[in-house]
Amino acid sequence: RRAAARGDGWLPQTPKRSDMEVLVPKLLAMREELRPGIPIEVGALAGAMHLGPASGELPRGTLAGEADELAASLRDWAELGVSHIQVRFPSRSADELCDQIAAFGEQVMPLLP
């Protein structure tokens, strides 16, 4: 309610995607009631992602797959009304992290709106 009444954005820290299906429409409805016509940005934490086959065991809950699979998951967030998303790349070294970030930018980003 505070974000809808006073903020210009909302980035919840713990909701699951299924919770966001309820929370985002509720936020947007409250926003329209409290500040009609003034948009609000909605952020989400997409969770951990790994592009391509992993060289080792990934943390539980990591979405691992090809670029189209990761992009589809991110598009699902956008369909919920999320305008900003945080992705994380679990890695065992700085080189692996940099490789994942670069591959994400080259392969996944072009598939997103």
PDB file of N, CA and C in Angstrom:
ATOM      1  N   ARG A   1       0.833  -1.189   0.000  1.00  0.00           N
ATOM      2  CA  ARG A   1       0.000   0.000   0.000  1.00  0.00           C
ATOM      3  C   ARG A   1       0.882   1.260   0.000  1.00  0.00           C
ATOM      4  N   ARG A   2       1.970   1.234   0.764  1.00  0.00           N
ATOM      5  CA  ARG A   2       2.866   2.397   0.829  1.00  0.00           C
ATOM      6  C   ARG A   2       3.492   2.673  -0.539  1.00  0.00           C
ATOM      7  N   ALA A   3       3.917   1.615  -1.238  1.00  0.00           N
ATOM      8  CA  ALA A   3       4.493   1.811  -2.573  1.00  0.00           C
ATOM      9  C   ALA A   3       3.458   2.402  -3.518  1.00  0.00           C
ATOM     10  N   ALA A   4       2.234   1.912  -3.462  1.00  0.00           N
ATOM     11  CA  ALA A   4       1.174   2.419  -4.342  1.00  0.00           C
ATOM     12  C   ALA A   4       0.859   3.881  -4.042  1.00  0.00           C
ATOM     13  N   ALA A   5       0.907   4.251  -2.782  1.00  0.00           N
ATOM     14  CA  ALA A   5       0.532   5.605  -2.374  1.00  0.00           C
ATOM     15  C   ALA A   5       1.653   6.619  -2.563  1.00  0.00           C
ATOM     16  N   ARG A   6       2.907   6.189  -2.365  1.00  0.00           N
ATOM     17  CA  ARG A   6       3.992   7.170  -2.319  1.00  0.00           C
ATOM     18  C   ARG A   6       5.156   6.912  -3.259  1.00  0.00           C
ATOM     19  N   GLY A   7       5.324   5.686  -3.673  1.00  0.00           N
ATOM     20  CA  GLY A   7       6.525   5.344  -4.429  1.00  0.00           C
ATOM     21  C   GLY A   7       6.397   5.527  -5.924  1.00  0.00           C
ATOM     22  N   ASP A   8       7.527   5.359  -6.585  1.00  0.00           N
ATOM     23  CA  ASP A   8       7.507   5.324  -8.037  1.00  0.00           C
ATOM     24  C   ASP A   8       7.871   3.940  -8.540  1.00  0.00           C
ATOM     25  N   GLY A   9       8.106   3.014  -7.573  1.00  0.00           N
ATOM     26  CA  GLY A   9       8.412   1.638  -7.916  1.00  0.00           C
ATOM     27  C   GLY A   9       8.281   0.728  -6.720  1.00  0.00           C
ATOM     28  N   TRP A  10       8.259  -0.557  -7.018  1.00  0.00           N
ATOM     29  CA  TRP A  10       8.147  -1.577  -5.971  1.00  0.00           C
ATOM     30  C   TRP A  10       9.023  -2.756  -6.354  1.00  0.00           C
ATOM     31  N   LEU A  11       9.932  -3.155  -5.479  1.00  0.00           N
ATOM     32  CA  LEU A  11      10.800  -4.307  -5.692  1.00  0.00           C
ATOM     33  C   LEU A  11      10.695  -5.205  -4.465  1.00  0.00           C
ATOM     34  N   PRO A  12       9.718  -6.101  -4.463  1.00  0.00           N
ATOM     35  CA  PRO A  12       9.575  -7.001  -3.315  1.00  0.00           C
ATOM     36  C   PRO A  12      10.751  -7.971  -3.263  1.00  0.00           C
ATOM     37  N   GLN A  13      11.129  -8.375  -2.086  1.00  0.00           N
ATOM     38  CA  GLN A  13      12.322  -9.209  -1.921  1.00  0.00           C
ATOM     39  C   GLN A  13      12.060 -10.704  -1.809  1.00  0.00           C
ATOM     40  N   THR A  14      10.845 -11.118  -1.485  1.00  0.00           N
ATOM     41  CA  THR A  14      10.655 -12.542  -1.254  1.00  0.00           C
ATOM     42  C   THR A  14       9.539 -13.232  -2.021  1.00  0.00           C
ATOM     43  N   PRO A  15       8.613 -12.541  -2.646  1.00  0.00           N
ATOM     44  CA  PRO A  15       7.501 -13.267  -3.265  1.00  0.00           C
ATOM     45  C   PRO A  15       7.927 -14.207  -4.394  1.00  0.00           C
ATOM     46  N   LYS A  16       7.240 -15.318  -4.490  1.00  0.00           N
ATOM     47  CA  LYS A  16       7.415 -16.245  -5.598  1.00  0.00           C
ATOM     48  C   LYS A  16       6.621 -15.699  -6.775  1.00  0.00           C
ATOM     49  N   ARG A  17       6.886 -16.255  -7.947  1.00  0.00           N
ATOM     50  CA  ARG A  17       6.151 -15.831  -9.131  1.00  0.00           C
ATOM     51  C   ARG A  17       4.652 -16.024  -8.931  1.00  0.00           C
ATOM     52  N   SER A  18       4.265 -17.125  -8.317  1.00  0.00           N
ATOM     53  CA  SER A  18       2.835 -17.373  -8.093  1.00  0.00           C
ATOM     54  C   SER A  18       2.224 -16.314  -7.175  1.00  0.00           C
ATOM     55  N   ASP A  19       2.987 -15.822  -6.207  1.00  0.00           N
ATOM     56  CA  ASP A  19       2.501 -14.738  -5.345  1.00  0.00           C
ATOM     57  C   ASP A  19       2.368 -13.436  -6.137  1.00  0.00           C
ATOM     58  N   MET A  20       3.305 -13.212  -7.039  1.00  0.00           N
ATOM     59  CA  MET A  20       3.290 -11.983  -7.829  1.00  0.00           C
ATOM     60  C   MET A  20       2.064 -11.920  -8.738  1.00  0.00           C
ATOM     61  N   GLU A  21       1.541 -13.072  -9.131  1.00  0.00           N
ATOM     62  CA  GLU A  21       0.332 -13.101  -9.964  1.00  0.00           C
ATOM     63  C   GLU A  21      -0.837 -12.432  -9.246  1.00  0.00           C
ATOM     64  N   VAL A  22      -0.810 -12.464  -7.916  1.00  0.00           N
ATOM     65  CA  VAL A  22      -1.850 -11.831  -7.109  1.00  0.00           C
ATOM     66  C   VAL A  22      -1.431 -10.418  -6.697  1.00  0.00           C
ATOM     67  N   LEU A  23      -0.174 -10.273  -6.303  1.00  0.00           N
ATOM     68  CA  LEU A  23       0.293  -9.012  -5.737  1.00  0.00           C
ATOM     69  C   LEU A  23       0.392  -7.869  -6.755  1.00  0.00           C
ATOM     70  N   VAL A  24       0.844  -8.154  -7.954  1.00  0.00           N
ATOM     71  CA  VAL A  24       1.013  -7.077  -8.937  1.00  0.00           C
ATOM     72  C   VAL A  24      -0.328  -6.456  -9.321  1.00  0.00           C
ATOM     73  N   PRO A  25      -1.340  -7.251  -9.681  1.00  0.00           N
ATOM     74  CA  PRO A  25      -2.632  -6.614  -9.986  1.00  0.00           C
ATOM     75  C   PRO A  25      -3.199  -5.833  -8.793  1.00  0.00           C
ATOM     76  N   LYS A  26      -2.981  -6.348  -7.596  1.00  0.00           N
ATOM     77  CA  LYS A  26      -3.441  -5.649  -6.397  1.00  0.00           C
ATOM     78  C   LYS A  26      -2.725  -4.301  -6.262  1.00  0.00           C
ATOM     79  N   LEU A  27      -1.419  -4.295  -6.461  1.00  0.00           N
ATOM     80  CA  LEU A  27      -0.636  -3.060  -6.408  1.00  0.00           C
ATOM     81  C   LEU A  27      -1.121  -2.064  -7.455  1.00  0.00           C
ATOM     82  N   LEU A  28      -1.303  -2.537  -8.676  1.00  0.00           N
ATOM     83  CA  LEU A  28      -1.715  -1.639  -9.753  1.00  0.00           C
ATOM     84  C   LEU A  28      -3.109  -1.065  -9.509  1.00  0.00           C
ATOM     85  N   ALA A  29      -3.992  -1.872  -8.953  1.00  0.00           N
ATOM     86  CA  ALA A  29      -5.338  -1.378  -8.628  1.00  0.00           C
ATOM     87  C   ALA A  29      -5.271  -0.327  -7.522  1.00  0.00           C
ATOM     88  N   MET A  30      -4.460  -0.597  -6.493  1.00  0.00           N
ATOM     89  CA  MET A  30      -4.299   0.388  -5.412  1.00  0.00           C
ATOM     90  C   MET A  30      -3.696   1.676  -5.952  1.00  0.00           C
ATOM     91  N   ARG A  31      -2.729   1.543  -6.848  1.00  0.00           N
ATOM     92  CA  ARG A  31      -2.074   2.717  -7.418  1.00  0.00           C
ATOM     93  C   ARG A  31      -3.096   3.572  -8.167  1.00  0.00           C
ATOM     94  N   GLU A  32      -3.922   2.927  -8.973  1.00  0.00           N
ATOM     95  CA  GLU A  32      -4.915   3.667  -9.751  1.00  0.00           C
ATOM     96  C   GLU A  32      -5.919   4.355  -8.833  1.00  0.00           C
ATOM     97  N   GLU A  33      -6.233   3.706  -7.727  1.00  0.00           N
ATOM     98  CA  GLU A  33      -7.156   4.306  -6.763  1.00  0.00           C
ATOM     99  C   GLU A  33      -6.526   5.497  -6.054  1.00  0.00           C
ATOM    100  N   LEU A  34      -5.258   5.347  -5.648  1.00  0.00           N
ATOM    101  CA  LEU A  34      -4.596   6.365  -4.839  1.00  0.00           C
ATOM    102  C   LEU A  34      -3.930   7.474  -5.651  1.00  0.00           C
ATOM    103  N   ARG A  35      -3.414   7.129  -6.820  1.00  0.00           N
ATOM    104  CA  ARG A  35      -2.707   8.109  -7.664  1.00  0.00           C
ATOM    105  C   ARG A  35      -3.069   7.855  -9.123  1.00  0.00           C
ATOM    106  N   PRO A  36      -4.304   8.127  -9.488  1.00  0.00           N
ATOM    107  CA  PRO A  36      -4.794   7.808 -10.838  1.00  0.00           C
ATOM    108  C   PRO A  36      -3.915   8.396 -11.932  1.00  0.00           C
ATOM    109  N   GLY A  37      -3.635   7.536 -12.924  1.00  0.00           N
ATOM    110  CA  GLY A  37      -2.883   7.977 -14.091  1.00  0.00           C
ATOM    111  C   GLY A  37      -1.387   8.087 -13.916  1.00  0.00           C
ATOM    112  N   ILE A  38      -0.884   7.858 -12.702  1.00  0.00           N
ATOM    113  CA  ILE A  38       0.565   7.937 -12.464  1.00  0.00           C
ATOM    114  C   ILE A  38       1.126   6.516 -12.439  1.00  0.00           C
ATOM    115  N   PRO A  39       1.989   6.183 -13.392  1.00  0.00           N
ATOM    116  CA  PRO A  39       2.505   4.806 -13.468  1.00  0.00           C
ATOM    117  C   PRO A  39       3.437   4.470 -12.308  1.00  0.00           C
ATOM    118  N   ILE A  40       3.601   3.188 -12.084  1.00  0.00           N
ATOM    119  CA  ILE A  40       4.540   2.683 -11.080  1.00  0.00           C
ATOM    120  C   ILE A  40       5.322   1.541 -11.713  1.00  0.00           C
ATOM    121  N   GLU A  41       6.606   1.504 -11.466  1.00  0.00           N
ATOM    122  CA  GLU A  41       7.457   0.434 -11.969  1.00  0.00           C
ATOM    123  C   GLU A  41       7.410  -0.731 -10.984  1.00  0.00           C
ATOM    124  N   VAL A  42       7.468  -1.947 -11.514  1.00  0.00           N
ATOM    125  CA  VAL A  42       7.430  -3.141 -10.673  1.00  0.00           C
ATOM    126  C   VAL A  42       8.666  -3.966 -10.976  1.00  0.00           C
ATOM    127  N   GLY A  43       9.401  -4.319  -9.944  1.00  0.00           N
ATOM    128  CA  GLY A  43      10.590  -5.140 -10.095  1.00  0.00           C
ATOM    129  C   GLY A  43      10.382  -6.526  -9.519  1.00  0.00           C
ATOM    130  N   ALA A  44      11.246  -7.441  -9.908  1.00  0.00           N
ATOM    131  CA  ALA A  44      11.183  -8.804  -9.378  1.00  0.00           C
ATOM    132  C   ALA A  44      12.578  -9.411  -9.380  1.00  0.00           C
ATOM    133  N   LEU A  45      12.751 -10.368  -8.507  1.00  0.00           N
ATOM    134  CA  LEU A  45      13.976 -11.153  -8.457  1.00  0.00           C
ATOM    135  C   LEU A  45      13.680 -12.468  -9.166  1.00  0.00           C
ATOM    136  N   ALA A  46      14.237 -12.653 -10.342  1.00  0.00           N
ATOM    137  CA  ALA A  46      13.910 -13.827 -11.161  1.00  0.00           C
ATOM    138  C   ALA A  46      14.540 -15.100 -10.631  1.00  0.00           C
ATOM    139  N   GLY A  47      15.510 -14.990  -9.792  1.00  0.00           N
ATOM    140  CA  GLY A  47      16.193 -16.189  -9.314  1.00  0.00           C
ATOM    141  C   GLY A  47      17.449 -16.451 -10.122  1.00  0.00           C
ATOM    142  N   ALA A  48      18.083 -17.531  -9.787  1.00  0.00           N
ATOM    143  CA  ALA A  48      19.343 -17.881 -10.432  1.00  0.00           C
ATOM    144  C   ALA A  48      19.097 -18.519 -11.791  1.00  0.00           C
ATOM    145  N   MET A  49      19.948 -18.153 -12.743  1.00  0.00           N
ATOM    146  CA  MET A  49      19.862 -18.696 -14.100  1.00  0.00           C
ATOM    147  C   MET A  49      21.249 -19.126 -14.553  1.00  0.00           C
ATOM    148  N   HIS A  50      21.251 -20.173 -15.353  1.00  0.00           N
ATOM    149  CA  HIS A  50      22.509 -20.632 -15.948  1.00  0.00           C
ATOM    150  C   HIS A  50      22.239 -20.950 -17.402  1.00  0.00           C
ATOM    151  N   LEU A  51      22.959 -20.283 -18.282  1.00  0.00           N
ATOM    152  CA  LEU A  51      22.787 -20.483 -19.715  1.00  0.00           C
ATOM    153  C   LEU A  51      23.657 -21.640 -20.176  1.00  0.00           C
ATOM    154  N   GLY A  52      23.027 -22.629 -20.798  1.00  0.00           N
ATOM    155  CA  GLY A  52      23.755 -23.773 -21.331  1.00  0.00           C
ATOM    156  C   GLY A  52      24.011 -24.838 -20.275  1.00  0.00           C
ATOM    157  N   PRO A  53      24.740 -25.876 -20.676  1.00  0.00           N
ATOM    158  CA  PRO A  53      25.025 -26.972 -19.742  1.00  0.00           C
ATOM    159  C   PRO A  53      25.986 -26.507 -18.641  1.00  0.00           C
ATOM    160  N   ALA A  54      25.732 -26.967 -17.444  1.00  0.00           N
ATOM    161  CA  ALA A  54      26.578 -26.599 -16.305  1.00  0.00           C
ATOM    162  C   ALA A  54      27.771 -27.543 -16.211  1.00  0.00           C
ATOM    163  N   SER A  55      28.894 -26.993 -15.802  1.00  0.00           N
ATOM    164  CA  SER A  55      30.097 -27.813 -15.643  1.00  0.00           C
ATOM    165  C   SER A  55      30.121 -28.512 -14.281  1.00  0.00           C
ATOM    166  N   GLY A  56      29.208 -28.153 -13.427  1.00  0.00           N
ATOM    167  CA  GLY A  56      29.116 -28.762 -12.100  1.00  0.00           C
ATOM    168  C   GLY A  56      27.701 -28.640 -11.591  1.00  0.00           C
ATOM    169  N   GLU A  57      27.521 -28.991 -10.337  1.00  0.00           N
ATOM    170  CA  GLU A  57      26.192 -28.925  -9.743  1.00  0.00           C
ATOM    171  C   GLU A  57      25.795 -27.468  -9.503  1.00  0.00           C
ATOM    172  N   LEU A  58      24.577 -27.134  -9.881  1.00  0.00           N
ATOM    173  CA  LEU A  58      24.063 -25.783  -9.681  1.00  0.00           C
ATOM    174  C   LEU A  58      23.228 -25.735  -8.406  1.00  0.00           C
ATOM    175  N   PRO A  59      23.113 -24.557  -7.805  1.00  0.00           N
ATOM    176  CA  PRO A  59      22.280 -24.438  -6.608  1.00  0.00           C
ATOM    177  C   PRO A  59      20.826 -24.832  -6.905  1.00  0.00           C
ATOM    178  N   ARG A  60      20.172 -25.381  -5.905  1.00  0.00           N
ATOM    179  CA  ARG A  60      18.773 -25.773  -6.036  1.00  0.00           C
ATOM    180  C   ARG A  60      17.947 -24.571  -6.491  1.00  0.00           C
ATOM    181  N   GLY A  61      17.041 -24.809  -7.412  1.00  0.00           N
ATOM    182  CA  GLY A  61      16.174 -23.751  -7.895  1.00  0.00           C
ATOM    183  C   GLY A  61      16.723 -22.962  -9.070  1.00  0.00           C
ATOM    184  N   THR A  62      17.940 -23.261  -9.495  1.00  0.00           N
ATOM    185  CA  THR A  62      18.521 -22.560 -10.635  1.00  0.00           C
ATOM    186  C   THR A  62      17.834 -23.002 -11.919  1.00  0.00           C
ATOM    187  N   LEU A  63      17.405 -22.038 -12.719  1.00  0.00           N
ATOM    188  CA  LEU A  63      16.852 -22.343 -14.030  1.00  0.00           C
ATOM    189  C   LEU A  63      18.018 -22.455 -14.995  1.00  0.00           C
ATOM    190  N   ALA A  64      18.260 -23.654 -15.498  1.00  0.00           N
ATOM    191  CA  ALA A  64      19.350 -23.887 -16.431  1.00  0.00           C
ATOM    192  C   ALA A  64      18.762 -24.331 -17.758  1.00  0.00           C
ATOM    193  N   GLY A  65      19.286 -23.787 -18.834  1.00  0.00           N
ATOM    194  CA  GLY A  65      18.802 -24.185 -20.141  1.00  0.00           C
ATOM    195  C   GLY A  65      19.368 -23.314 -21.235  1.00  0.00           C
ATOM    196  N   GLU A  66      18.738 -23.429 -22.385  1.00  0.00           N
ATOM    197  CA  GLU A  66      19.162 -22.658 -23.553  1.00  0.00           C
ATOM    198  C   GLU A  66      18.554 -21.261 -23.505  1.00  0.00           C
ATOM    199  N   ALA A  67      19.030 -20.396 -24.375  1.00  0.00           N
ATOM    200  CA  ALA A  67      18.624 -18.992 -24.380  1.00  0.00           C
ATOM    201  C   ALA A  67      17.115 -18.833 -24.491  1.00  0.00           C
ATOM    202  N   ASP A  68      16.472 -19.621 -25.353  1.00  0.00           N
ATOM    203  CA  ASP A  68      15.030 -19.472 -25.529  1.00  0.00           C
ATOM    204  C   ASP A  68      14.257 -19.842 -24.274  1.00  0.00           C
ATOM    205  N   GLU A  69      14.748 -20.801 -23.502  1.00  0.00           N
ATOM    206  CA  GLU A  69      14.080 -21.184 -22.251  1.00  0.00           C
ATOM    207  C   GLU A  69      14.198 -20.076 -21.205  1.00  0.00           C
ATOM    208  N   LEU A  70      15.388 -19.505 -21.075  1.00  0.00           N
ATOM    209  CA  LEU A  70      15.577 -18.424 -20.114  1.00  0.00           C
ATOM    210  C   LEU A  70      14.764 -17.195 -20.523  1.00  0.00           C
ATOM    211  N   ALA A  71      14.756 -16.877 -21.803  1.00  0.00           N
ATOM    212  CA  ALA A  71      13.991 -15.727 -22.288  1.00  0.00           C
ATOM    213  C   ALA A  71      12.499 -15.933 -22.050  1.00  0.00           C
ATOM    214  N   ALA A  72      12.000 -17.141 -22.264  1.00  0.00           N
ATOM    215  CA  ALA A  72      10.577 -17.419 -22.039  1.00  0.00           C
ATOM    216  C   ALA A  72      10.210 -17.190 -20.578  1.00  0.00           C
ATOM    217  N   SER A  73      11.075 -17.612 -19.679  1.00  0.00           N
ATOM    218  CA  SER A  73      10.819 -17.406 -18.256  1.00  0.00           C
ATOM    219  C   SER A  73      10.767 -15.917 -17.924  1.00  0.00           C
ATOM    220  N   LEU A  74      11.660 -15.143 -18.495  1.00  0.00           N
ATOM    221  CA  LEU A  74      11.688 -13.700 -18.243  1.00  0.00           C
ATOM    222  C   LEU A  74      10.486 -13.003 -18.871  1.00  0.00           C
ATOM    223  N   ARG A  75      10.062 -13.464 -20.041  1.00  0.00           N
ATOM    224  CA  ARG A  75       8.858 -12.888 -20.658  1.00  0.00           C
ATOM    225  C   ARG A  75       7.628 -13.153 -19.795  1.00  0.00           C
ATOM    226  N   ASP A  76       7.592 -14.308 -19.117  1.00  0.00           N
ATOM    227  CA  ASP A  76       6.477 -14.609 -18.205  1.00  0.00           C
ATOM    228  C   ASP A  76       6.385 -13.554 -17.103  1.00  0.00           C
ATOM    229  N   TRP A  77       7.546 -13.122 -16.603  1.00  0.00           N
ATOM    230  CA  TRP A  77       7.550 -12.072 -15.581  1.00  0.00           C
ATOM    231  C   TRP A  77       6.949 -10.785 -16.148  1.00  0.00           C
ATOM    232  N   ALA A  78       7.339 -10.444 -17.369  1.00  0.00           N
ATOM    233  CA  ALA A  78       6.840  -9.219 -17.998  1.00  0.00           C
ATOM    234  C   ALA A  78       5.325  -9.275 -18.165  1.00  0.00           C
ATOM    235  N   GLU A  79       4.808 -10.448 -18.489  1.00  0.00           N
ATOM    236  CA  GLU A  79       3.361 -10.597 -18.642  1.00  0.00           C
ATOM    237  C   GLU A  79       2.619 -10.360 -17.330  1.00  0.00           C
ATOM    238  N   LEU A  80       3.305 -10.549 -16.213  1.00  0.00           N
ATOM    239  CA  LEU A  80       2.705 -10.272 -14.902  1.00  0.00           C
ATOM    240  C   LEU A  80       2.662  -8.776 -14.596  1.00  0.00           C
ATOM    241  N   GLY A  81       3.366  -7.978 -15.390  1.00  0.00           N
ATOM    242  CA  GLY A  81       3.418  -6.543 -15.143  1.00  0.00           C
ATOM    243  C   GLY A  81       4.749  -6.082 -14.583  1.00  0.00           C
ATOM    244  N   VAL A  82       5.730  -6.965 -14.550  1.00  0.00           N
ATOM    245  CA  VAL A  82       7.063  -6.620 -14.049  1.00  0.00           C
ATOM    246  C   VAL A  82       7.816  -5.865 -15.141  1.00  0.00           C
ATOM    247  N   SER A  83       8.353  -4.707 -14.786  1.00  0.00           N
ATOM    248  CA  SER A  83       9.072  -3.879 -15.749  1.00  0.00           C
ATOM    249  C   SER A  83      10.594  -3.928 -15.564  1.00  0.00           C
ATOM    250  N   HIS A  84      11.045  -4.353 -14.404  1.00  0.00           N
ATOM    251  CA  HIS A  84      12.478  -4.453 -14.109  1.00  0.00           C
ATOM    252  C   HIS A  84      12.710  -5.806 -13.437  1.00  0.00           C
ATOM    253  N   ILE A  85      13.769  -6.480 -13.849  1.00  0.00           N
ATOM    254  CA  ILE A  85      14.011  -7.808 -13.284  1.00  0.00           C
ATOM    255  C   ILE A  85      15.487  -7.982 -12.969  1.00  0.00           C
ATOM    256  N   GLN A  86      15.742  -8.644 -11.863  1.00  0.00           N
ATOM    257  CA  GLN A  86      17.109  -8.941 -11.452  1.00  0.00           C
ATOM    258  C   GLN A  86      17.358 -10.418 -11.686  1.00  0.00           C
ATOM    259  N   VAL A  87      18.427 -10.713 -12.394  1.00  0.00           N
ATOM    260  CA  VAL A  87      18.825 -12.101 -12.592  1.00  0.00           C
ATOM    261  C   VAL A  87      20.164 -12.317 -11.900  1.00  0.00           C
ATOM    262  N   ARG A  88      20.372 -13.533 -11.473  1.00  0.00           N
ATOM    263  CA  ARG A  88      21.637 -13.892 -10.814  1.00  0.00           C
ATOM    264  C   ARG A  88      22.238 -15.070 -11.561  1.00  0.00           C
ATOM    265  N   PHE A  89      23.541 -15.124 -11.585  1.00  0.00           N
ATOM    266  CA  PHE A  89      24.253 -16.186 -12.271  1.00  0.00           C
ATOM    267  C   PHE A  89      25.177 -16.895 -11.276  1.00  0.00           C
ATOM    268  N   PRO A  90      24.771 -18.060 -10.765  1.00  0.00           N
ATOM    269  CA  PRO A  90      25.656 -18.765  -9.846  1.00  0.00           C
ATOM    270  C   PRO A  90      26.914 -19.205 -10.597  1.00  0.00           C
ATOM    271  N   SER A  91      28.041 -19.024  -9.972  1.00  0.00           N
ATOM    272  CA  SER A  91      29.295 -19.371 -10.631  1.00  0.00           C
ATOM    273  C   SER A  91      30.352 -19.708  -9.593  1.00  0.00           C
ATOM    274  N   ARG A  92      31.326 -20.452 -10.041  1.00  0.00           N
ATOM    275  CA  ARG A  92      32.407 -20.884  -9.149  1.00  0.00           C
ATOM    276  C   ARG A  92      33.673 -20.045  -9.310  1.00  0.00           C
ATOM    277  N   SER A  93      33.651 -19.123 -10.261  1.00  0.00           N
ATOM    278  CA  SER A  93      34.822 -18.254 -10.461  1.00  0.00           C
ATOM    279  C   SER A  93      34.374 -16.962 -11.121  1.00  0.00           C
ATOM    280  N   ALA A  94      35.239 -15.976 -11.061  1.00  0.00           N
ATOM    281  CA  ALA A  94      34.944 -14.700 -11.723  1.00  0.00           C
ATOM    282  C   ALA A  94      34.861 -14.898 -13.232  1.00  0.00           C
ATOM    283  N   ASP A  95      35.709 -15.763 -13.778  1.00  0.00           N
ATOM    284  CA  ASP A  95      35.672 -16.028 -15.218  1.00  0.00           C
ATOM    285  C   ASP A  95      34.344 -16.645 -15.631  1.00  0.00           C
ATOM    286  N   GLU A  96      33.851 -17.608 -14.850  1.00  0.00           N
ATOM    287  CA  GLU A  96      32.570 -18.236 -15.166  1.00  0.00           C
ATOM    288  C   GLU A  96      31.439 -17.209 -15.090  1.00  0.00           C
ATOM    289  N   LEU A  97      31.480 -16.353 -14.088  1.00  0.00           N
ATOM    290  CA  LEU A  97      30.467 -15.312 -13.957  1.00  0.00           C
ATOM    291  C   LEU A  97      30.494 -14.382 -15.168  1.00  0.00           C
ATOM    292  N   CYS A  98      31.673 -13.928 -15.553  1.00  0.00           N
ATOM    293  CA  CYS A  98      31.794 -13.044 -16.711  1.00  0.00           C
ATOM    294  C   CYS A  98      31.319 -13.734 -17.986  1.00  0.00           C
ATOM    295  N   ASP A  99      31.627 -15.015 -18.133  1.00  0.00           N
ATOM    296  CA  ASP A  99      31.171 -15.767 -19.306  1.00  0.00           C
ATOM    297  C   ASP A  99      29.648 -15.854 -19.333  1.00  0.00           C
ATOM    298  N   GLN A 100      29.027 -16.096 -18.184  1.00  0.00           N
ATOM    299  CA  GLN A 100      27.571 -16.188 -18.117  1.00  0.00           C
ATOM    300  C   GLN A 100      26.919 -14.841 -18.437  1.00  0.00           C
ATOM    301  N   ILE A 101      27.469 -13.778 -17.893  1.00  0.00           N
ATOM    302  CA  ILE A 101      26.917 -12.440 -18.156  1.00  0.00           C
ATOM    303  C   ILE A 101      27.026 -12.112 -19.644  1.00  0.00           C
ATOM    304  N   ALA A 102      28.178 -12.377 -20.239  1.00  0.00           N
ATOM    305  CA  ALA A 102      28.378 -12.092 -21.660  1.00  0.00           C
ATOM    306  C   ALA A 102      27.441 -12.943 -22.521  1.00  0.00           C
ATOM    307  N   ALA A 103      27.348 -14.230 -22.214  1.00  0.00           N
ATOM    308  CA  ALA A 103      26.477 -15.112 -22.993  1.00  0.00           C
ATOM    309  C   ALA A 103      25.016 -14.695 -22.856  1.00  0.00           C
ATOM    310  N   PHE A 104      24.608 -14.289 -21.666  1.00  0.00           N
ATOM    311  CA  PHE A 104      23.235 -13.824 -21.445  1.00  0.00           C
ATOM    312  C   PHE A 104      22.965 -12.598 -22.323  1.00  0.00           C
ATOM    313  N   GLY A 105      23.892 -11.661 -22.316  1.00  0.00           N
ATOM    314  CA  GLY A 105      23.735 -10.453 -23.129  1.00  0.00           C
ATOM    315  C   GLY A 105      23.680 -10.744 -24.615  1.00  0.00           C
ATOM    316  N   GLU A 106      24.462 -11.683 -25.061  1.00  0.00           N
ATOM    317  CA  GLU A 106      24.529 -12.001 -26.491  1.00  0.00           C
ATOM    318  C   GLU A 106      23.383 -12.902 -26.956  1.00  0.00           C
ATOM    319  N   GLN A 107      22.954 -13.840 -26.106  1.00  0.00           N
ATOM    320  CA  GLN A 107      22.010 -14.858 -26.551  1.00  0.00           C
ATOM    321  C   GLN A 107      20.584 -14.674 -26.029  1.00  0.00           C
ATOM    322  N   VAL A 108      20.425 -14.189 -24.795  1.00  0.00           N
ATOM    323  CA  VAL A 108      19.099 -14.086 -24.202  1.00  0.00           C
ATOM    324  C   VAL A 108      18.501 -12.707 -24.447  1.00  0.00           C
ATOM    325  N   MET A 109      19.251 -11.666 -24.225  1.00  0.00           N
ATOM    326  CA  MET A 109      18.724 -10.302 -24.343  1.00  0.00           C
ATOM    327  C   MET A 109      18.071 -10.024 -25.703  1.00  0.00           C
ATOM    328  N   PRO A 110      18.645 -10.494 -26.823  1.00  0.00           N
ATOM    329  CA  PRO A 110      17.977 -10.229 -28.101  1.00  0.00           C
ATOM    330  C   PRO A 110      16.591 -10.884 -28.222  1.00  0.00           C
ATOM    331  N   LEU A 111      16.293 -11.844 -27.367  1.00  0.00           N
ATOM    332  CA  LEU A 111      15.006 -12.537 -27.415  1.00  0.00           C
ATOM    333  C   LEU A 111      13.946 -11.879 -26.547  1.00  0.00           C
ATOM    334  N   LEU A 112      14.330 -10.809 -25.863  1.00  0.00           N
ATOM    335  CA  LEU A 112      13.410 -10.117 -24.951  1.00  0.00           C
ATOM    336  C   LEU A 112      12.916  -8.829 -25.579  1.00  0.00           C
ATOM    337  N   PRO A 113      11.684  -8.410 -25.189  1.00  0.00           N
ATOM    338  CA  PRO A 113      11.146  -7.151 -25.745  1.00  0.00           C
ATOM    339  C   PRO A 113      11.921  -5.941 -25.277  1.00  0.00           C
TER     340      PRO A 113
END
